[in-house]
């Protein structure tokens, strides 16, 4: 398990990358091609990754009938990618690689490569390589439009520990000591009194005082944790769930805190569990189960509520695309395993049929997701059991 959270490319940064890539598409020459390569990095050393990248790119370019006979371009693309890769310290959990290259006379003049962009990803991508007149931005859009699964807080009397659950992998963010606990000696003296005759120790009448003092310490520690979650820049806010594991010592003070928790990260769904888990492996297993159970229950609940109001519910790619263009989608329900070819106009408008000056995309789903997110809508990922129509939406008005 990692000791630090993996690098996260924030939504604003990803949007900037997307705009640059779309601008590159608009200016390519007739003899140019665009290479898109999503490459998972899990369990790979850098040297092994370089070998696999080289082999995959060469294999893809050599098999592409559009660029046969241009043997030199294959090696030039590989060299450009590996050179760029050598300048990147953190390769994340995978890479998105975008290359523009020429196959005309520029190959002879060492101007074959127009540009190389490599983006380390905070989530593992599905391996995919594509050459065409457009970049395949589908996975990049999904990553920029998605939250991490959960911020996990383990609350114990002595300390609180923060983890990020992302890609079903738990990583440590930070640990905070409970500075409000008094010295043990003072607590002992308040709880016990010496017998003046025998010198024996017996329980005194200060037990209630000790109990109230502990409760106050826990209350103040919970307040500090609330402030950290809300204001600390190290603690991510772009999460779907806020999961608290707390020890029994917080049983009296946690009830009020539960009511406040939903305001700490308004977009995150809070879950509280009274349980102390000392091993990170156990913690990860427990969080996995909680998220699976709660997410399925919530998805089903959201979908049933949406279907109850037929005037504000639409299904199917064409109807959902129209609603996205009108900025009417409050909640989008989508099965990410389904793919639908479509068209995009002006980087925002989406269609199931070609319109003037639109560009074809291999999968319309991520572009609809991007449109919904950009217009402050919510996205709920569903499967075939919940949604057989592949895509649906609850409308705002």
Protein backbone atom coordinates (compact mmCIF):
# COMPACT_ATOMS: atom_id res chain seq x y z
CA UNK A 1 0.00 0.00 0.00
CA UNK A 2 1.27 3.48 -0.87
CA UNK A 3 2.37 5.75 1.95
CA UNK A 4 1.25 8.88 0.15
CA UNK A 5 -1.71 9.76 -2.03
CA UNK A 6 -1.16 9.40 -5.77
CA UNK A 7 -0.90 12.49 -7.95
CA UNK A 8 -4.28 13.88 -8.90
CA UNK A 9 -4.80 16.04 -11.96
CA UNK A 10 -7.59 18.36 -10.89
CA UNK A 11 -10.64 19.02 -13.04
CA UNK A 12 -9.55 22.53 -14.03
CA UNK A 13 -6.14 21.27 -15.12
CA UNK A 14 -7.69 18.44 -17.13
CA UNK A 15 -10.05 20.85 -18.88
CA UNK A 16 -7.05 22.91 -19.91
CA UNK A 17 -5.38 19.80 -21.34
CA UNK A 18 -8.55 18.90 -23.24
CA UNK A 19 -8.81 22.35 -24.80
CA UNK A 20 -5.18 22.21 -25.96
CA UNK A 21 -5.70 18.78 -27.52
CA UNK A 22 -8.87 19.91 -29.30
CA UNK A 23 -7.05 22.96 -30.62
CA UNK A 24 -4.30 20.70 -32.00
CA UNK A 25 -6.94 18.69 -33.85
CA UNK A 26 -8.35 21.78 -35.50
CA UNK A 27 -5.00 22.71 -37.05
CA UNK A 28 -3.65 19.39 -38.39
CA UNK A 29 -2.50 19.13 -42.02
CA UNK A 30 -3.92 16.76 -44.60
CA UNK A 31 -0.87 14.49 -44.33
CA UNK A 32 -0.96 14.44 -40.50
CA UNK A 33 -2.16 11.76 -38.11
CA UNK A 34 -2.91 11.76 -34.40
CA UNK A 35 -1.84 8.92 -32.12
CA UNK A 36 -3.73 8.30 -28.87
CA UNK A 37 -2.39 5.75 -26.39
CA UNK A 38 -3.79 4.95 -22.94
CA UNK A 39 -1.31 2.86 -21.00
CA UNK A 40 -1.86 1.39 -17.47
CA UNK A 41 1.23 1.54 -15.24
CA UNK A 42 0.25 -0.76 -12.37
CA UNK A 43 3.00 -3.16 -11.28
CA UNK A 44 5.38 -1.91 -13.97
CA UNK A 45 8.84 -0.42 -13.51
CA UNK A 46 9.78 2.52 -15.70
CA UNK A 47 12.18 0.39 -17.76
CA UNK A 48 9.48 -2.24 -18.38
CA UNK A 49 6.96 0.47 -19.26
CA UNK A 50 9.34 1.91 -21.87
CA UNK A 51 9.76 -1.51 -23.49
CA UNK A 52 6.01 -2.11 -23.65
CA UNK A 53 5.32 1.40 -24.95
CA UNK A 54 7.89 1.01 -27.71
CA UNK A 55 6.58 -2.41 -28.75
CA UNK A 56 2.90 -1.38 -28.70
CA UNK A 57 3.42 1.84 -30.68
CA UNK A 58 5.59 0.15 -33.33
CA UNK A 59 3.08 -2.67 -33.70
CA UNK A 60 0.16 -0.27 -34.05
CA UNK A 61 1.84 1.98 -36.65
CA UNK A 62 3.15 -0.91 -38.74
CA UNK A 63 -0.29 -2.49 -38.95
CA UNK A 64 -2.02 0.75 -39.94
CA UNK A 65 -2.61 0.61 -43.71
CA UNK A 66 -2.85 4.40 -43.99
CA UNK A 67 0.83 4.87 -43.11
CA UNK A 68 2.47 1.84 -44.70
CA UNK A 69 5.76 2.41 -46.47
CA UNK A 70 6.80 5.15 -44.07
CA UNK A 71 9.19 3.03 -42.00
CA UNK A 72 11.14 5.96 -40.60
CA UNK A 73 8.11 7.55 -38.95
CA UNK A 74 7.61 4.56 -36.67
CA UNK A 75 10.93 4.98 -34.92
CA UNK A 76 10.64 8.78 -34.82
CA UNK A 77 7.34 8.57 -32.95
CA UNK A 78 8.75 6.07 -30.46
CA UNK A 79 11.88 8.15 -29.85
CA UNK A 80 9.81 11.30 -29.30
CA UNK A 81 7.55 9.55 -26.78
CA UNK A 82 10.42 7.98 -24.82
CA UNK A 83 12.33 11.28 -24.73
CA UNK A 84 9.27 13.06 -23.33
CA UNK A 85 8.66 10.23 -20.87
CA UNK A 86 12.20 10.61 -19.49
CA UNK A 87 11.36 14.15 -18.34
CA UNK A 88 8.36 13.06 -16.25
CA UNK A 89 9.03 12.10 -12.63
CA UNK A 90 5.64 10.73 -11.55
CA UNK A 91 3.98 8.35 -14.02
CA UNK A 92 0.87 7.94 -11.85
CA UNK A 93 -1.29 4.85 -12.30
CA UNK A 94 -1.22 5.15 -16.06
CA UNK A 95 -0.48 7.45 -18.98
CA UNK A 96 -2.45 9.22 -21.67
CA UNK A 97 -0.13 9.82 -24.64
CA UNK A 98 -1.00 12.09 -27.57
CA UNK A 99 1.24 12.56 -30.62
CA UNK A 100 0.76 14.50 -33.86
CA UNK A 101 2.98 13.29 -36.69
CA UNK A 102 3.37 13.88 -40.44
CA UNK A 103 3.87 11.31 -43.18
CA UNK A 104 4.68 13.60 -46.11
CA UNK A 105 7.84 15.39 -47.13
CA UNK A 106 8.38 16.64 -43.58
CA UNK A 107 9.57 13.15 -42.61
CA UNK A 108 12.74 13.70 -44.63
CA UNK A 109 13.30 17.13 -43.06
CA UNK A 110 13.20 15.84 -39.47
CA UNK A 111 9.90 17.63 -38.88
CA UNK A 112 7.80 14.50 -38.62
CA UNK A 113 6.73 15.07 -35.01
CA UNK A 114 4.62 18.16 -34.40
CA UNK A 115 4.09 17.62 -30.70
CA UNK A 116 4.00 15.06 -27.90
CA UNK A 117 1.85 15.37 -24.78
CA UNK A 118 1.99 12.82 -21.96
CA UNK A 119 -0.46 13.12 -19.06
CA UNK A 120 0.07 10.96 -15.92
CA UNK A 121 -3.32 9.74 -14.71
CA UNK A 122 -4.52 9.33 -11.13
CA UNK A 123 -6.70 6.37 -12.12
CA UNK A 124 -5.78 3.26 -14.04
CA UNK A 125 -6.89 3.61 -17.69
CA UNK A 126 -8.01 0.79 -19.93
CA UNK A 127 -5.25 -0.05 -22.40
CA UNK A 128 -6.13 1.42 -25.79
CA UNK A 129 -4.24 2.73 -28.83
CA UNK A 130 -5.75 4.59 -31.79
CA UNK A 131 -4.48 6.42 -34.89
CA UNK A 132 -6.72 8.76 -36.84
CA UNK A 133 -7.52 12.37 -37.70
CA UNK A 134 -8.81 13.06 -34.19
CA UNK A 135 -7.56 12.27 -30.71
CA UNK A 136 -9.53 9.67 -28.77
CA UNK A 137 -10.33 11.73 -25.67
CA UNK A 138 -12.98 9.44 -24.17
CA UNK A 139 -11.02 8.07 -21.22
CA UNK A 140 -9.50 11.47 -20.49
CA UNK A 141 -12.97 12.99 -20.23
CA UNK A 142 -14.16 10.23 -17.90
CA UNK A 143 -11.18 10.83 -15.63
CA UNK A 144 -11.65 14.60 -15.56
CA UNK A 145 -15.36 14.24 -14.81
CA UNK A 146 -15.08 11.66 -12.03
CA UNK A 147 -14.56 11.91 -8.29
CA UNK A 148 -12.47 9.64 -6.11
CA UNK A 149 -14.53 7.02 -4.31
CA UNK A 150 -14.06 8.17 -0.74
CA UNK A 151 -12.27 10.16 1.90
CA UNK A 152 -11.84 7.72 4.79
CA UNK A 153 -11.29 8.91 8.36
CA UNK A 154 -10.27 6.52 11.14
CA UNK A 155 -11.17 8.23 14.45
CA UNK A 156 -9.49 6.96 17.58
CA UNK A 157 -9.21 8.68 20.94
CA UNK A 158 -5.48 9.31 20.53
CA UNK A 159 -5.44 10.26 16.83
CA UNK A 160 -7.31 10.47 13.54
CA UNK A 161 -5.92 9.07 10.28
CA UNK A 162 -6.98 10.19 6.81
CA UNK A 163 -6.99 8.01 3.67
CA UNK A 164 -8.08 8.47 0.08
CA UNK A 165 -9.88 5.59 -1.62
CA UNK A 166 -9.33 5.93 -5.35
CA UNK A 167 -9.56 3.22 -7.96
CA UNK A 168 -10.46 0.94 -5.03
CA UNK A 169 -6.98 1.53 -3.65
CA UNK A 170 -6.44 3.07 -0.20
CA UNK A 171 -3.60 5.57 0.26
CA UNK A 172 -2.55 7.44 3.40
CA UNK A 173 -2.94 11.22 3.43
CA UNK A 174 -2.01 12.22 6.98
CA UNK A 175 -2.36 11.38 10.68
CA UNK A 176 -3.33 13.92 13.37
CA UNK A 177 -2.72 13.53 17.12
CA UNK A 178 -5.44 14.42 19.64
CA UNK A 179 -3.77 17.38 21.30
CA UNK A 180 -6.69 17.90 23.68
CA UNK A 181 -6.03 14.79 25.79
CA UNK A 182 -4.67 15.77 29.20
CA UNK A 183 -1.69 14.20 30.86
CA UNK A 184 -2.49 10.66 32.05
CA UNK A 185 -1.20 11.49 35.54
CA UNK A 186 -3.77 14.26 36.00
CA UNK A 187 -6.57 12.03 34.78
CA UNK A 188 -5.45 9.29 37.20
CA UNK A 189 -5.40 11.63 40.19
CA UNK A 190 -8.88 12.89 39.42
CA UNK A 191 -10.25 9.37 39.09
CA UNK A 192 -8.67 7.84 42.16
CA UNK A 193 -8.04 8.96 45.74
CA UNK A 194 -5.61 7.49 48.30
CA UNK A 195 -6.94 5.92 51.52
CA UNK A 196 -5.53 7.95 54.44
CA UNK A 197 -5.43 4.92 56.79
CA UNK A 198 -4.20 1.97 54.73
CA UNK A 199 -2.48 3.69 51.85
CA UNK A 200 -4.57 1.59 49.47
CA UNK A 201 -6.02 3.13 46.33
CA UNK A 202 -9.76 3.20 45.85
CA UNK A 203 -12.08 4.66 43.22
CA UNK A 204 -13.02 8.17 44.21
CA UNK A 205 -16.05 10.34 43.49
CA UNK A 206 -14.42 12.07 40.52
CA UNK A 207 -15.33 9.43 37.91
CA UNK A 208 -18.17 11.59 36.55
CA UNK A 209 -15.77 14.51 36.25
CA UNK A 210 -13.29 12.37 34.32
CA UNK A 211 -16.03 11.13 31.99
CA UNK A 212 -17.19 14.67 31.22
CA UNK A 213 -13.59 15.76 30.65
CA UNK A 214 -13.07 12.94 28.14
CA UNK A 215 -16.29 13.83 26.36
CA UNK A 216 -15.16 17.46 26.08
CA UNK A 217 -11.77 16.35 24.73
CA UNK A 218 -13.47 14.21 22.10
CA UNK A 219 -15.85 17.02 21.16
CA UNK A 220 -12.97 19.43 20.62
CA UNK A 221 -11.05 16.81 18.65
CA UNK A 222 -14.07 16.22 16.42
CA UNK A 223 -14.30 19.98 15.83
CA UNK A 224 -10.67 20.03 14.80
CA UNK A 225 -11.25 17.16 12.37
CA UNK A 226 -14.27 18.95 10.91
CA UNK A 227 -12.14 22.05 10.33
CA UNK A 228 -9.40 19.96 8.68
CA UNK A 229 -11.83 18.24 6.32
CA UNK A 230 -13.33 21.56 5.31
CA UNK A 231 -10.21 23.72 5.05
CA UNK A 232 -7.03 21.62 4.80
CA UNK A 233 -5.71 21.70 1.21
CA UNK A 234 -4.05 18.30 1.65
CA UNK A 235 -7.43 16.66 2.19
CA UNK A 236 -9.29 16.14 -1.12
CA UNK A 237 -12.84 17.45 -1.48
CA UNK A 238 -13.69 15.81 -4.81
CA UNK A 239 -15.01 12.53 -3.38
CA UNK A 240 -18.27 10.61 -3.58
CA UNK A 241 -18.30 9.31 0.02
CA UNK A 242 -17.06 10.55 3.37
CA UNK A 243 -16.49 7.43 5.52
CA UNK A 244 -15.88 7.64 9.28
CA UNK A 245 -14.70 4.69 11.35
CA UNK A 246 -14.84 5.69 15.01
CA UNK A 247 -14.00 3.98 18.28
CA UNK A 248 -16.57 3.48 21.06
CA UNK A 249 -15.02 6.39 23.00
CA UNK A 250 -16.79 8.76 20.58
CA UNK A 251 -20.23 7.15 20.96
CA UNK A 252 -21.68 10.08 22.95
CA UNK A 253 -20.21 12.93 20.90
CA UNK A 254 -20.52 11.46 17.41
CA UNK A 255 -24.31 11.86 17.08
CA UNK A 256 -24.21 15.64 16.77
CA UNK A 257 -21.16 15.42 14.55
CA UNK A 258 -23.08 13.17 12.13
CA UNK A 259 -25.59 15.95 11.50
CA UNK A 260 -22.79 18.41 10.74
CA UNK A 261 -20.80 16.00 8.53
CA UNK A 262 -23.04 16.42 5.47
CA UNK A 263 -22.00 20.10 5.32
CA UNK A 264 -18.25 19.40 5.40
CA UNK A 265 -18.15 18.16 1.79
CA UNK A 266 -21.68 18.83 0.48
CA UNK A 267 -21.29 16.60 -2.59
CA UNK A 268 -20.10 13.60 -0.56
CA UNK A 269 -22.42 11.07 1.07
CA UNK A 270 -21.40 10.51 4.75
CA UNK A 271 -21.18 7.01 6.25
CA UNK A 272 -20.47 6.32 9.96
CA UNK A 273 -19.33 2.98 11.38
CA UNK A 274 -18.42 2.30 15.02
CA UNK A 275 -15.47 0.02 14.52
CA UNK A 276 -11.72 0.17 15.14
CA UNK A 277 -9.55 -1.45 12.48
CA UNK A 278 -5.83 -1.49 13.19
CA UNK A 279 -4.67 -2.91 9.85
CA UNK A 280 -4.93 -0.89 6.64
CA UNK A 281 -5.74 -4.07 4.73
CA UNK A 282 -8.78 -4.62 6.95
CA UNK A 283 -9.78 -0.99 6.53
CA UNK A 284 -9.61 -1.22 2.73
CA UNK A 285 -11.70 -4.41 2.66
CA UNK A 286 -14.34 -2.83 4.90
CA UNK A 287 -14.51 0.39 2.86
CA UNK A 288 -14.86 -1.67 -0.33
CA UNK A 289 -17.88 -3.49 1.09
CA UNK A 290 -19.47 -0.28 2.37
CA UNK A 291 -19.10 1.55 -0.93
CA UNK A 292 -20.44 -1.39 -2.95
CA UNK A 293 -23.48 -1.69 -0.72
CA UNK A 294 -24.27 2.01 -0.34
CA UNK A 295 -23.57 2.99 -3.95
CA UNK A 296 -25.88 0.32 -5.35
CA UNK A 297 -28.64 1.26 -2.92
CA UNK A 298 -28.31 4.97 -3.74
CA UNK A 299 -28.15 4.40 -7.52
CA UNK A 300 -31.31 2.33 -7.41
CA UNK A 301 -33.02 4.93 -5.23
CA UNK A 302 -32.02 7.84 -7.52
CA UNK A 303 -33.19 5.98 -10.62
CA UNK A 304 -36.55 5.01 -9.11
CA UNK A 305 -37.18 8.59 -8.01
CA UNK A 306 -36.34 9.88 -11.50
CA UNK A 307 -38.66 7.40 -13.22
CA UNK A 308 -41.57 8.39 -11.00
CA UNK A 309 -41.79 11.78 -12.73
CA UNK A 310 -42.26 10.95 -16.42
CA UNK A 311 -42.33 14.63 -17.46
CA UNK A 312 -38.75 15.04 -16.27
CA UNK A 313 -37.33 11.69 -17.35
CA UNK A 314 -35.87 10.74 -20.74
CA UNK A 315 -34.09 7.64 -22.05
CA UNK A 316 -31.97 6.85 -25.09
CA UNK A 317 -28.99 8.49 -26.77
CA UNK A 318 -30.98 10.88 -29.00
CA UNK A 319 -33.29 12.24 -26.29
CA UNK A 320 -30.49 12.53 -23.72
CA UNK A 321 -28.26 14.32 -26.26
CA UNK A 322 -31.01 16.87 -26.93
CA UNK A 323 -31.47 17.46 -23.20
CA UNK A 324 -27.69 17.88 -22.73
CA UNK A 325 -27.58 20.49 -25.51
CA UNK A 326 -30.43 22.37 -23.82
CA UNK A 327 -28.53 22.21 -20.48
CA UNK A 328 -31.57 20.61 -18.86
CA UNK A 329 -29.96 17.53 -17.27
CA UNK A 330 -30.02 17.48 -13.48
CA UNK A 331 -28.87 13.84 -13.13
CA UNK A 332 -27.37 11.64 -15.85
CA UNK A 333 -27.61 7.83 -15.58
CA UNK A 334 -25.08 6.09 -17.80
CA UNK A 335 -23.60 2.63 -18.28
CA UNK A 336 -19.89 3.30 -19.06
CA UNK A 337 -19.48 -0.13 -20.68
CA UNK A 338 -21.79 0.83 -23.55
CA UNK A 339 -20.34 2.71 -26.52
CA UNK A 340 -22.16 4.86 -29.05
CA UNK A 341 -20.57 6.62 -32.03
CA UNK A 342 -21.68 10.21 -32.32
CA UNK A 343 -20.76 13.76 -33.26
CA UNK A 344 -19.59 16.82 -31.33
CA UNK A 345 -19.93 20.45 -32.39
CA UNK A 346 -18.11 23.40 -30.82
CA UNK A 347 -16.63 21.15 -28.10
CA UNK A 348 -19.92 21.10 -26.18
CA UNK A 349 -22.94 20.18 -28.35
CA UNK A 350 -23.52 16.44 -28.85
CA UNK A 351 -25.47 14.60 -31.55
CA UNK A 352 -26.29 11.08 -32.64
CA UNK A 353 -26.21 12.19 -36.29
CA UNK A 354 -23.80 14.31 -38.33
CA UNK A 355 -24.42 18.06 -38.42
CA UNK A 356 -22.53 20.73 -40.31
CA UNK A 357 -18.92 21.22 -39.07
CA UNK A 358 -19.29 18.53 -36.40
CA UNK A 359 -16.56 15.97 -35.71
CA UNK A 360 -17.16 12.26 -35.26
CA UNK A 361 -16.22 10.68 -31.93
CA UNK A 362 -15.85 6.99 -31.20
CA UNK A 363 -17.94 7.14 -28.04
CA UNK A 364 -20.55 9.82 -27.37
CA UNK A 365 -21.02 8.90 -23.69
CA UNK A 366 -18.02 10.75 -22.22
CA UNK A 367 -18.88 13.89 -24.18
CA UNK A 368 -22.39 13.88 -22.72
CA UNK A 369 -20.84 13.36 -19.28
CA UNK A 370 -18.56 16.34 -19.86
CA UNK A 371 -21.48 18.52 -20.94
CA UNK A 372 -23.54 17.55 -17.87
CA UNK A 373 -20.64 18.18 -15.46
CA UNK A 374 -19.84 21.55 -17.07
CA UNK A 375 -23.47 22.59 -16.52
CA UNK A 376 -23.51 21.60 -12.83
CA UNK A 377 -25.34 18.30 -13.31
CA UNK A 378 -24.69 15.03 -11.47
CA UNK A 379 -23.58 11.72 -13.00
CA UNK A 380 -24.69 8.32 -11.68
CA UNK A 381 -22.91 5.25 -13.08
CA UNK A 382 -25.30 2.31 -13.53
CA UNK A 383 -25.18 -1.21 -14.96
CA UNK A 384 -27.50 -3.26 -17.18
CA UNK A 385 -29.45 -4.62 -14.23
CA UNK A 386 -30.54 -1.12 -13.22
CA UNK A 387 -30.73 0.55 -16.63
CA UNK A 388 -31.28 -1.46 -19.80
CA UNK A 389 -31.54 1.60 -22.05
CA UNK A 390 -27.78 2.39 -21.66
CA UNK A 391 -28.37 6.07 -20.88
CA UNK A 392 -31.11 8.17 -19.24
CA UNK A 393 -31.55 11.51 -17.50
CA UNK A 394 -33.65 13.36 -14.95
CA UNK A 395 -34.37 16.88 -16.20
CA UNK A 396 -34.28 20.15 -14.31
CA UNK A 397 -37.51 21.66 -15.63
